[in-house]
């Protein structure tokens, strides 16, 4: 395992297009490391810190951990990117992940608990289908979904055209 110069680490993240993030000390101070983040097509987020200094990391175990855990690349892919500008292979989003919008957690909970769908059924729904199913359920007007009793009473009073200062 070759030593990891800070300049090579920095060149790797800049070549691959990692986003430079703020520091732990706040926006006006830079701390002793640059912080970078890369959002993969799968939605996974990689983060790494690169020292400001001109030195290098000589410990082979630490270098291996940085490549494996922070950069998620092999040593060969790392050096190919640094020396030749060849981007490392990254997992691509599956067609279902790329086209499917995530469902709001509250919507999922309501579809399971109140509408009676299984989690497997909800997982098969598109966002539009899930919203339509929830709206259909609400249009049936079950008491649990209309709100607390004081809200229903207030709605009834407003419905009769009385203005009593709510």
Protein backbone atom coordinates (compact mmCIF):
# COMPACT_ATOMS: atom_id res chain seq x y z
CA UNK A 1 0.00 0.00 0.00
CA UNK A 2 1.52 3.28 -1.13
CA UNK A 3 1.59 6.28 1.21
CA UNK A 4 -1.29 8.70 0.66
CA UNK A 5 -0.11 12.28 0.04
CA UNK A 6 -2.70 14.88 1.07
CA UNK A 7 -2.29 16.46 -2.37
CA UNK A 8 -3.27 13.16 -4.06
CA UNK A 9 -6.29 12.77 -1.75
CA UNK A 10 -7.36 16.34 -2.61
CA UNK A 11 -6.80 15.77 -6.35
CA UNK A 12 -8.92 12.60 -6.23
CA UNK A 13 -11.97 14.30 -4.68
CA UNK A 14 -11.66 17.32 -6.96
CA UNK A 15 -11.29 15.14 -10.08
CA UNK A 16 -14.34 13.07 -9.19
CA UNK A 17 -16.39 16.17 -8.39
CA UNK A 18 -16.89 15.85 -4.64
CA UNK A 19 -18.60 18.87 -3.06
CA UNK A 20 -16.56 20.87 -0.57
CA UNK A 21 -18.54 21.18 2.65
CA UNK A 22 -18.36 23.47 5.66
CA UNK A 23 -16.15 22.73 8.59
CA UNK A 24 -16.84 21.67 12.13
CA UNK A 25 -15.67 25.09 13.31
CA UNK A 26 -18.16 27.09 11.24
CA UNK A 27 -18.07 29.02 7.98
CA UNK A 28 -15.49 31.63 9.00
CA UNK A 29 -12.82 29.14 10.08
CA UNK A 30 -11.37 26.31 8.07
CA UNK A 31 -10.07 23.99 10.77
CA UNK A 32 -7.20 21.70 9.88
CA UNK A 33 -9.03 19.61 7.25
CA UNK A 34 -11.05 20.20 4.11
CA UNK A 35 -14.33 18.29 4.21
CA UNK A 36 -15.88 16.79 1.09
CA UNK A 37 -19.08 14.92 0.27
CA UNK A 38 -20.17 12.84 -2.73
CA UNK A 39 -23.75 11.72 -3.28
CA UNK A 40 -23.82 8.52 -5.34
CA UNK A 41 -26.52 7.64 -7.87
CA UNK A 42 -27.83 5.08 -5.37
CA UNK A 43 -28.44 7.84 -2.81
CA UNK A 44 -25.53 6.77 -0.60
CA UNK A 45 -23.38 9.64 0.66
CA UNK A 46 -19.60 9.39 0.98
CA UNK A 47 -17.68 11.82 3.17
CA UNK A 48 -13.97 12.39 3.62
CA UNK A 49 -11.58 14.85 5.24
CA UNK A 50 -8.34 15.99 3.62
CA UNK A 51 -5.61 17.64 5.67
CA UNK A 52 -4.56 21.19 4.74
CA UNK A 53 -0.93 20.24 5.24
CA UNK A 54 1.62 19.20 2.61
CA UNK A 55 2.35 15.83 4.26
CA UNK A 56 1.14 12.33 3.65
CA UNK A 57 -0.34 9.36 5.48
CA UNK A 58 2.26 6.60 5.80
CA UNK A 59 0.33 4.02 7.83
CA UNK A 60 -0.85 1.36 5.31
CA UNK A 61 -3.80 0.37 7.52
CA UNK A 62 -5.02 3.97 7.72
CA UNK A 63 -4.59 4.45 3.96
CA UNK A 64 -6.55 1.23 3.31
CA UNK A 65 -9.32 2.37 5.67
CA UNK A 66 -9.62 5.77 3.96
CA UNK A 67 -9.78 4.20 0.50
CA UNK A 68 -12.27 1.53 1.61
CA UNK A 69 -14.50 3.39 4.09
CA UNK A 70 -14.41 7.03 2.99
CA UNK A 71 -13.66 6.97 -0.74
CA UNK A 72 -15.12 3.49 -1.50
CA UNK A 73 -12.46 2.69 -4.14
CA UNK A 74 -9.66 0.23 -4.68
CA UNK A 75 -6.08 1.42 -4.51
CA UNK A 76 -5.71 0.91 -8.29
CA UNK A 77 -8.85 2.96 -9.04
CA UNK A 78 -7.66 5.71 -6.69
CA UNK A 79 -4.27 6.10 -8.37
CA UNK A 80 -5.77 5.78 -11.88
CA UNK A 81 -8.03 8.73 -11.03
CA UNK A 82 -5.22 10.80 -9.51
CA UNK A 83 -2.63 10.10 -12.19
CA UNK A 84 -4.75 9.74 -15.35
CA UNK A 85 -8.06 11.43 -14.49
CA UNK A 86 -10.05 8.20 -14.95
CA UNK A 87 -13.11 8.25 -12.71
CA UNK A 88 -13.58 5.18 -10.51
CA UNK A 89 -16.52 2.87 -11.19
CA UNK A 90 -19.52 3.71 -9.05
CA UNK A 91 -22.80 1.81 -8.63
CA UNK A 92 -25.62 3.13 -10.80
CA UNK A 93 -29.17 3.65 -9.61
CA UNK A 94 -31.55 0.85 -10.51
CA UNK A 95 -34.37 1.87 -12.87
CA UNK A 96 -36.89 1.64 -10.03
CA UNK A 97 -34.72 3.84 -7.78
CA UNK A 98 -34.07 6.42 -10.49
CA UNK A 99 -37.71 6.93 -11.45
CA UNK A 100 -39.51 6.38 -8.17
CA UNK A 101 -40.08 9.22 -5.72
CA UNK A 102 -39.79 8.41 -2.04
CA UNK A 103 -42.98 8.31 -0.01
CA UNK A 104 -43.36 10.51 3.04
CA UNK A 105 -43.08 8.48 6.25
CA UNK A 106 -46.40 9.84 7.57
CA UNK A 107 -48.15 8.84 4.36
CA UNK A 108 -46.76 5.30 4.62
CA UNK A 109 -47.80 5.07 8.27
CA UNK A 110 -51.34 6.25 7.47
CA UNK A 111 -51.71 3.87 4.55
CA UNK A 112 -50.68 0.95 6.76
CA UNK A 113 -52.46 1.88 9.99
CA UNK A 114 -55.60 3.60 8.75
CA UNK A 115 -56.20 2.40 5.20
CA UNK A 116 -55.14 -1.16 6.03
CA UNK A 117 -52.52 -1.74 3.33
CA UNK A 118 -49.54 -3.94 4.05
CA UNK A 119 -46.05 -2.45 3.88
CA UNK A 120 -45.40 -4.63 0.84
CA UNK A 121 -48.46 -3.15 -0.91
CA UNK A 122 -47.35 0.39 -0.07
CA UNK A 123 -43.85 -0.31 -1.39
CA UNK A 124 -45.33 -1.14 -4.81
CA UNK A 125 -47.21 2.18 -5.08
CA UNK A 126 -45.91 5.24 -6.87
CA UNK A 127 -46.16 8.50 -4.97
CA UNK A 128 -49.19 9.55 -7.02
CA UNK A 129 -50.94 6.23 -6.36
CA UNK A 130 -50.21 6.44 -2.62
CA UNK A 131 -51.57 9.99 -2.40
CA UNK A 132 -54.68 8.94 -4.39
CA UNK A 133 -55.30 5.99 -2.03
CA UNK A 134 -54.97 8.26 1.02
CA UNK A 135 -57.30 10.88 -0.50
CA UNK A 136 -59.87 8.17 -1.28
CA UNK A 137 -59.69 7.05 2.33
CA UNK A 138 -60.16 10.62 3.58
CA UNK A 139 -63.13 11.19 1.29
CA UNK A 140 -64.93 8.34 3.06
CA UNK A 141 -64.83 10.60 6.13
CA UNK A 142 -64.02 8.21 8.94
CA UNK A 143 -64.19 9.89 12.34
CA UNK A 144 -60.51 9.23 13.12
CA UNK A 145 -59.38 11.19 10.08
CA UNK A 146 -61.60 14.29 10.47
CA UNK A 147 -59.74 15.54 13.52
CA UNK A 148 -60.56 16.04 17.21
CA UNK A 149 -64.18 16.59 18.31
CA UNK A 150 -63.68 20.36 18.91
CA UNK A 151 -62.48 20.70 15.30
CA UNK A 152 -65.55 18.84 13.95
CA UNK A 153 -67.83 21.06 16.07
CA UNK A 154 -66.08 24.18 14.79
CA UNK A 155 -66.49 22.96 11.21
CA UNK A 156 -70.18 22.28 11.80
CA UNK A 157 -70.72 25.80 13.21
CA UNK A 158 -68.92 27.36 10.26
CA UNK A 159 -71.01 25.22 7.92
CA UNK A 160 -74.25 26.81 9.29
CA UNK A 161 -72.91 30.27 8.55
CA UNK A 162 -72.60 31.34 12.17
CA UNK A 163 -69.65 33.50 13.10
CA UNK A 164 -69.00 33.06 16.80
CA UNK A 165 -65.43 34.33 16.83
CA UNK A 166 -63.30 31.22 16.40
